Amino acid sequence: MKTYIWSYEATTCNGVGTIKGRIEAPNGYKAQLAVKDNNLMIESVKVKLLKNQNQARKERFETAGFHA
């Protein structure tokens, strides 16, 4: 299964703060689910596919665990 690097911005409960990061997942929906599963204080998540995947893989990112 091919995976991509996604950037995300997650809003915490009651809109108190935001968490930003990068995660590896096969699609945007699974990226959102992985971010929510990793932190129970997250209320909503926005994800965006990074255009330069080669450069994104050289930088730090989380692995969602969706490997075939």
PDB file of N, CA and C in Angstrom:
ATOM      1  N   MET A   1       0.842  -1.174   0.000  1.00  0.00           N
ATOM      2  CA  MET A   1       0.000   0.000   0.000  1.00  0.00           C
ATOM      3  C   MET A   1       0.893   1.245   0.000  1.00  0.00           C
ATOM      4  N   LYS A   2       0.647   2.138  -0.921  1.00  0.00           N
ATOM      5  CA  LYS A   2       1.443   3.359  -1.019  1.00  0.00           C
ATOM      6  C   LYS A   2       0.983   4.357   0.043  1.00  0.00           C
ATOM      7  N   THR A   3       1.938   4.961   0.713  1.00  0.00           N
ATOM      8  CA  THR A   3       1.608   5.951   1.736  1.00  0.00           C
ATOM      9  C   THR A   3       2.165   7.311   1.342  1.00  0.00           C
ATOM     10  N   TYR A   4       1.578   8.347   1.894  1.00  0.00           N
ATOM     11  CA  TYR A   4       1.961   9.725   1.624  1.00  0.00           C
ATOM     12  C   TYR A   4       2.186  10.443   2.951  1.00  0.00           C
ATOM     13  N   ILE A   5       2.912  11.546   2.890  1.00  0.00           N
ATOM     14  CA  ILE A   5       3.123  12.375   4.071  1.00  0.00           C
ATOM     15  C   ILE A   5       2.098  13.507   4.033  1.00  0.00           C
ATOM     16  N   TRP A   6       1.365  13.661   5.129  1.00  0.00           N
ATOM     17  CA  TRP A   6       0.325  14.677   5.259  1.00  0.00           C
ATOM     18  C   TRP A   6       0.717  15.633   6.378  1.00  0.00           C
ATOM     19  N   SER A   7       0.457  16.920   6.198  1.00  0.00           N
ATOM     20  CA  SER A   7       0.615  17.858   7.308  1.00  0.00           C
ATOM     21  C   SER A   7      -0.763  17.998   7.950  1.00  0.00           C
ATOM     22  N   TYR A   8      -0.784  18.160   9.264  1.00  0.00           N
ATOM     23  CA  TYR A   8      -2.068  18.290   9.946  1.00  0.00           C
ATOM     24  C   TYR A   8      -2.041  19.425  10.955  1.00  0.00           C
ATOM     25  N   GLU A   9      -3.230  19.949  11.225  1.00  0.00           N
ATOM     26  CA  GLU A   9      -3.440  20.928  12.281  1.00  0.00           C
ATOM     27  C   GLU A   9      -4.660  20.458  13.061  1.00  0.00           C
ATOM     28  N   ALA A  10      -4.443  20.120  14.313  1.00  0.00           N
ATOM     29  CA  ALA A  10      -5.509  19.572  15.144  1.00  0.00           C
ATOM     30  C   ALA A  10      -5.915  20.589  16.203  1.00  0.00           C
ATOM     31  N   THR A  11      -7.217  20.728  16.418  1.00  0.00           N
ATOM     32  CA  THR A  11      -7.747  21.623  17.439  1.00  0.00           C
ATOM     33  C   THR A  11      -8.092  20.804  18.675  1.00  0.00           C
ATOM     34  N   THR A  12      -7.631  21.271  19.835  1.00  0.00           N
ATOM     35  CA  THR A  12      -7.906  20.556  21.076  1.00  0.00           C
ATOM     36  C   THR A  12      -9.313  20.881  21.573  1.00  0.00           C
ATOM     37  N   CYS A  13      -9.742  20.157  22.588  1.00  0.00           N
ATOM     38  CA  CYS A  13     -11.082  20.333  23.142  1.00  0.00           C
ATOM     39  C   CYS A  13     -11.311  21.783  23.564  1.00  0.00           C
ATOM     40  N   ASN A  14     -12.506  22.263  23.345  1.00  0.00           N
ATOM     41  CA  ASN A  14     -12.932  23.620  23.675  1.00  0.00           C
ATOM     42  C   ASN A  14     -12.145  24.683  22.916  1.00  0.00           C
ATOM     43  N   GLY A  15     -11.413  24.304  21.881  1.00  0.00           N
ATOM     44  CA  GLY A  15     -10.666  25.265  21.084  1.00  0.00           C
ATOM     45  C   GLY A  15      -9.545  25.965  21.824  1.00  0.00           C
ATOM     46  N   VAL A  16      -9.003  25.322  22.852  1.00  0.00           N
ATOM     47  CA  VAL A  16      -7.972  25.937  23.688  1.00  0.00           C
ATOM     48  C   VAL A  16      -6.664  26.121  22.927  1.00  0.00           C
ATOM     49  N   GLY A  17      -6.290  25.171  22.085  1.00  0.00           N
ATOM     50  CA  GLY A  17      -5.021  25.266  21.369  1.00  0.00           C
ATOM     51  C   GLY A  17      -5.012  24.407  20.127  1.00  0.00           C
ATOM     52  N   THR A  18      -3.889  24.460  19.412  1.00  0.00           N
ATOM     53  CA  THR A  18      -3.735  23.651  18.210  1.00  0.00           C
ATOM     54  C   THR A  18      -2.426  22.880  18.270  1.00  0.00           C
ATOM     55  N   ILE A  19      -2.414  21.750  17.596  1.00  0.00           N
ATOM     56  CA  ILE A  19      -1.227  20.908  17.480  1.00  0.00           C
ATOM     57  C   ILE A  19      -0.954  20.745  15.991  1.00  0.00           C
ATOM     58  N   LYS A  20       0.291  20.983  15.588  1.00  0.00           N
ATOM     59  CA  LYS A  20       0.667  20.836  14.181  1.00  0.00           C
ATOM     60  C   LYS A  20       1.710  19.743  14.053  1.00  0.00           C
ATOM     61  N   GLY A  21       1.677  19.048  12.923  1.00  0.00           N
ATOM     62  CA  GLY A  21       2.663  18.002  12.694  1.00  0.00           C
ATOM     63  C   GLY A  21       2.513  17.389  11.319  1.00  0.00           C
ATOM     64  N   ARG A  22       3.240  16.291  11.123  1.00  0.00           N
ATOM     65  CA  ARG A  22       3.202  15.538   9.864  1.00  0.00           C
ATOM     66  C   ARG A  22       2.994  14.077  10.191  1.00  0.00           C
ATOM     67  N   ILE A  23       2.243  13.401   9.329  1.00  0.00           N
ATOM     68  CA  ILE A  23       1.952  11.991   9.558  1.00  0.00           C
ATOM     69  C   ILE A  23       1.946  11.249   8.222  1.00  0.00           C
ATOM     70  N   GLU A  24       2.334   9.990   8.265  1.00  0.00           N
ATOM     71  CA  GLU A  24       2.353   9.140   7.075  1.00  0.00           C
ATOM     72  C   GLU A  24       1.100   8.272   7.080  1.00  0.00           C
ATOM     73  N   ALA A  25       0.333   8.313   5.990  1.00  0.00           N
ATOM     74  CA  ALA A  25      -0.889   7.522   5.873  1.00  0.00           C
ATOM     75  C   ALA A  25      -1.234   7.358   4.392  1.00  0.00           C
ATOM     76  N   PRO A  26      -2.036   6.332   4.053  1.00  0.00           N
ATOM     77  CA  PRO A  26      -2.392   6.102   2.650  1.00  0.00           C
ATOM     78  C   PRO A  26      -3.358   7.139   2.078  1.00  0.00           C
ATOM     79  N   ASN A  27      -4.206   7.733   2.917  1.00  0.00           N
ATOM     80  CA  ASN A  27      -5.130   8.762   2.431  1.00  0.00           C
ATOM     81  C   ASN A  27      -5.443   9.743   3.565  1.00  0.00           C
ATOM     82  N   GLY A  28      -6.129  10.820   3.227  1.00  0.00           N
ATOM     83  CA  GLY A  28      -6.413  11.871   4.195  1.00  0.00           C
ATOM     84  C   GLY A  28      -7.307  11.425   5.336  1.00  0.00           C
ATOM     85  N   TYR A  29      -8.285  10.591   5.025  1.00  0.00           N
ATOM     86  CA  TYR A  29      -9.201  10.118   6.065  1.00  0.00           C
ATOM     87  C   TYR A  29      -8.459   9.297   7.118  1.00  0.00           C
ATOM     88  N   LYS A  30      -7.592   8.391   6.668  1.00  0.00           N
ATOM     89  CA  LYS A  30      -6.832   7.575   7.618  1.00  0.00           C
ATOM     90  C   LYS A  30      -5.823   8.422   8.386  1.00  0.00           C
ATOM     91  N   ALA A  31      -5.333   9.482   7.776  1.00  0.00           N
ATOM     92  CA  ALA A  31      -4.437  10.399   8.485  1.00  0.00           C
ATOM     93  C   ALA A  31      -5.190  11.088   9.621  1.00  0.00           C
ATOM     94  N   GLN A  32      -6.412  11.529   9.356  1.00  0.00           N
ATOM     95  CA  GLN A  32      -7.227  12.157  10.399  1.00  0.00           C
ATOM     96  C   GLN A  32      -7.510  11.183  11.537  1.00  0.00           C
ATOM     97  N   LEU A  33      -7.881   9.949  11.196  1.00  0.00           N
ATOM     98  CA  LEU A  33      -8.164   8.946  12.224  1.00  0.00           C
ATOM     99  C   LEU A  33      -6.940   8.661  13.083  1.00  0.00           C
ATOM    100  N   ALA A  34      -5.774   8.571  12.464  1.00  0.00           N
ATOM    101  CA  ALA A  34      -4.547   8.277  13.203  1.00  0.00           C
ATOM    102  C   ALA A  34      -4.211   9.401  14.171  1.00  0.00           C
ATOM    103  N   VAL A  35      -4.394  10.634  13.760  1.00  0.00           N
ATOM    104  CA  VAL A  35      -4.109  11.771  14.641  1.00  0.00           C
ATOM    105  C   VAL A  35      -5.070  11.760  15.824  1.00  0.00           C
ATOM    106  N   LYS A  36      -6.347  11.509  15.570  1.00  0.00           N
ATOM    107  CA  LYS A  36      -7.335  11.467  16.654  1.00  0.00           C
ATOM    108  C   LYS A  36      -7.086  10.295  17.601  1.00  0.00           C
ATOM    109  N   ASP A  37      -6.670   9.145  17.072  1.00  0.00           N
ATOM    110  CA  ASP A  37      -6.410   7.977  17.911  1.00  0.00           C
ATOM    111  C   ASP A  37      -5.201   8.183  18.812  1.00  0.00           C
ATOM    112  N   ASN A  38      -4.220   8.976  18.351  1.00  0.00           N
ATOM    113  CA  ASN A  38      -3.006   9.199  19.131  1.00  0.00           C
ATOM    114  C   ASN A  38      -3.205  10.185  20.271  1.00  0.00           C
ATOM    115  N   ASN A  39      -4.257  10.996  20.233  1.00  0.00           N
ATOM    116  CA  ASN A  39      -4.481  11.988  21.272  1.00  0.00           C
ATOM    117  C   ASN A  39      -5.979  12.149  21.488  1.00  0.00           C
ATOM    118  N   LEU A  40      -6.463  11.773  22.654  1.00  0.00           N
ATOM    119  CA  LEU A  40      -7.893  11.816  22.945  1.00  0.00           C
ATOM    120  C   LEU A  40      -8.410  13.230  23.193  1.00  0.00           C
ATOM    121  N   MET A  41      -7.516  14.203  23.368  1.00  0.00           N
ATOM    122  CA  MET A  41      -7.925  15.581  23.620  1.00  0.00           C
ATOM    123  C   MET A  41      -8.215  16.354  22.328  1.00  0.00           C
ATOM    124  N   ILE A  42      -8.064  15.708  21.183  1.00  0.00           N
ATOM    125  CA  ILE A  42      -8.260  16.388  19.899  1.00  0.00           C
ATOM    126  C   ILE A  42      -9.728  16.346  19.498  1.00  0.00           C
ATOM    127  N   GLU A  43     -10.233  17.511  19.102  1.00  0.00           N
ATOM    128  CA  GLU A  43     -11.624  17.634  18.700  1.00  0.00           C
ATOM    129  C   GLU A  43     -11.793  17.555  17.179  1.00  0.00           C
ATOM    130  N   SER A  44     -10.933  18.254  16.432  1.00  0.00           N
ATOM    131  CA  SER A  44     -11.028  18.232  14.972  1.00  0.00           C
ATOM    132  C   SER A  44      -9.633  18.277  14.358  1.00  0.00           C
ATOM    133  N   VAL A  45      -9.532  17.752  13.126  1.00  0.00           N
ATOM    134  CA  VAL A  45      -8.242  17.672  12.434  1.00  0.00           C
ATOM    135  C   VAL A  45      -8.418  18.120  10.984  1.00  0.00           C
ATOM    136  N   LYS A  46      -7.487  18.957  10.514  1.00  0.00           N
ATOM    137  CA  LYS A  46      -7.422  19.339   9.099  1.00  0.00           C
ATOM    138  C   LYS A  46      -6.126  18.768   8.547  1.00  0.00           C
ATOM    139  N   VAL A  47      -6.197  18.056   7.423  1.00  0.00           N
ATOM    140  CA  VAL A  47      -4.990  17.489   6.811  1.00  0.00           C
ATOM    141  C   VAL A  47      -4.805  18.054   5.409  1.00  0.00           C
ATOM    142  N   LYS A  48      -3.535  18.119   4.988  1.00  0.00           N
ATOM    143  CA  LYS A  48      -3.195  18.623   3.658  1.00  0.00           C
ATOM    144  C   LYS A  48      -2.036  17.796   3.128  1.00  0.00           C
ATOM    145  N   LEU A  49      -2.172  17.314   1.901  1.00  0.00           N
ATOM    146  CA  LEU A  49      -1.122  16.521   1.271  1.00  0.00           C
ATOM    147  C   LEU A  49       0.055  17.424   0.921  1.00  0.00           C
ATOM    148  N   LEU A  50       1.255  17.003   1.316  1.00  0.00           N
ATOM    149  CA  LEU A  50       2.456  17.766   0.991  1.00  0.00           C
ATOM    150  C   LEU A  50       2.856  17.479  -0.450  1.00  0.00           C
ATOM    151  N   LYS A  51       3.162  18.518  -1.208  1.00  0.00           N
ATOM    152  CA  LYS A  51       3.465  18.363  -2.637  1.00  0.00           C
ATOM    153  C   LYS A  51       4.792  17.665  -2.875  1.00  0.00           C
ATOM    154  N   ASN A  52       5.836  18.053  -2.172  1.00  0.00           N
ATOM    155  CA  ASN A  52       7.162  17.481  -2.389  1.00  0.00           C
ATOM    156  C   ASN A  52       7.374  16.322  -1.409  1.00  0.00           C
ATOM    157  N   GLN A  53       6.963  15.127  -1.802  1.00  0.00           N
ATOM    158  CA  GLN A  53       7.033  13.957  -0.931  1.00  0.00           C
ATOM    159  C   GLN A  53       8.473  13.543  -0.635  1.00  0.00           C
ATOM    160  N   ASN A  54       9.385  13.703  -1.602  1.00  0.00           N
ATOM    161  CA  ASN A  54      10.783  13.332  -1.363  1.00  0.00           C
ATOM    162  C   ASN A  54      11.390  14.176  -0.255  1.00  0.00           C
ATOM    163  N   GLN A  55      11.154  15.477  -0.277  1.00  0.00           N
ATOM    164  CA  GLN A  55      11.675  16.355   0.772  1.00  0.00           C
ATOM    165  C   GLN A  55      10.967  16.076   2.098  1.00  0.00           C
ATOM    166  N   ALA A  56       9.677  15.793   2.064  1.00  0.00           N
ATOM    167  CA  ALA A  56       8.914  15.534   3.288  1.00  0.00           C
ATOM    168  C   ALA A  56       9.427  14.285   4.004  1.00  0.00           C
ATOM    169  N   ARG A  57       9.879  13.287   3.264  1.00  0.00           N
ATOM    170  CA  ARG A  57      10.395  12.060   3.879  1.00  0.00           C
ATOM    171  C   ARG A  57      11.761  12.261   4.522  1.00  0.00           C
ATOM    172  N   LYS A  58      12.457  13.329   4.177  1.00  0.00           N
ATOM    173  CA  LYS A  58      13.746  13.632   4.801  1.00  0.00           C
ATOM    174  C   LYS A  58      13.572  14.329   6.145  1.00  0.00           C
ATOM    175  N   GLU A  59      12.383  14.885   6.395  1.00  0.00           N
ATOM    176  CA  GLU A  59      12.095  15.588   7.638  1.00  0.00           C
ATOM    177  C   GLU A  59      11.331  14.658   8.584  1.00  0.00           C
ATOM    178  N   ARG A  60      11.149  15.106   9.808  1.00  0.00           N
ATOM    179  CA  ARG A  60      10.480  14.276  10.812  1.00  0.00           C
ATOM    180  C   ARG A  60       8.987  14.151  10.524  1.00  0.00           C
ATOM    181  N   PHE A  61       8.453  12.937  10.736  1.00  0.00           N
ATOM    182  CA  PHE A  61       7.021  12.702  10.605  1.00  0.00           C
ATOM    183  C   PHE A  61       6.642  11.499  11.453  1.00  0.00           C
ATOM    184  N   GLU A  62       5.358  11.413  11.789  1.00  0.00           N
ATOM    185  CA  GLU A  62       4.834  10.286  12.553  1.00  0.00           C
ATOM    186  C   GLU A  62       4.400   9.191  11.585  1.00  0.00           C
ATOM    187  N   THR A  63       4.463   7.950  12.042  1.00  0.00           N
ATOM    188  CA  THR A  63       4.004   6.825  11.240  1.00  0.00           C
ATOM    189  C   THR A  63       2.669   6.359  11.797  1.00  0.00           C
ATOM    190  N   ALA A  64       1.667   6.237  10.930  1.00  0.00           N
ATOM    191  CA  ALA A  64       0.325   5.875  11.374  1.00  0.00           C
ATOM    192  C   ALA A  64       0.153   4.377  11.561  1.00  0.00           C
ATOM    193  N   GLY A  65       1.039   3.565  11.006  1.00  0.00           N
ATOM    194  CA  GLY A  65       0.937   2.122  11.165  1.00  0.00           C
ATOM    195  C   GLY A  65       0.036   1.453  10.150  1.00  0.00           C
ATOM    196  N   PHE A  66      -0.124   2.029   8.974  1.00  0.00           N
ATOM    197  CA  PHE A  66      -0.963   1.464   7.924  1.00  0.00           C
ATOM    198  C   PHE A  66      -0.121   0.787   6.861  1.00  0.00           C
ATOM    199  N   HIS A  67       0.836  -0.018   7.241  1.00  0.00           N
ATOM    200  CA  HIS A  67       1.708  -0.662   6.259  1.00  0.00           C
ATOM    201  C   HIS A  67       1.132  -2.006   5.838  1.00  0.00           C
ATOM    202  N   ALA A  68       1.245  -2.316   4.556  1.00  0.00           N
ATOM    203  CA  ALA A  68       0.717  -3.579   4.026  1.00  0.00           C
ATOM    204  C   ALA A  68       1.688  -4.709   4.261  1.00  0.00           C
TER     205      ALA A  68
END
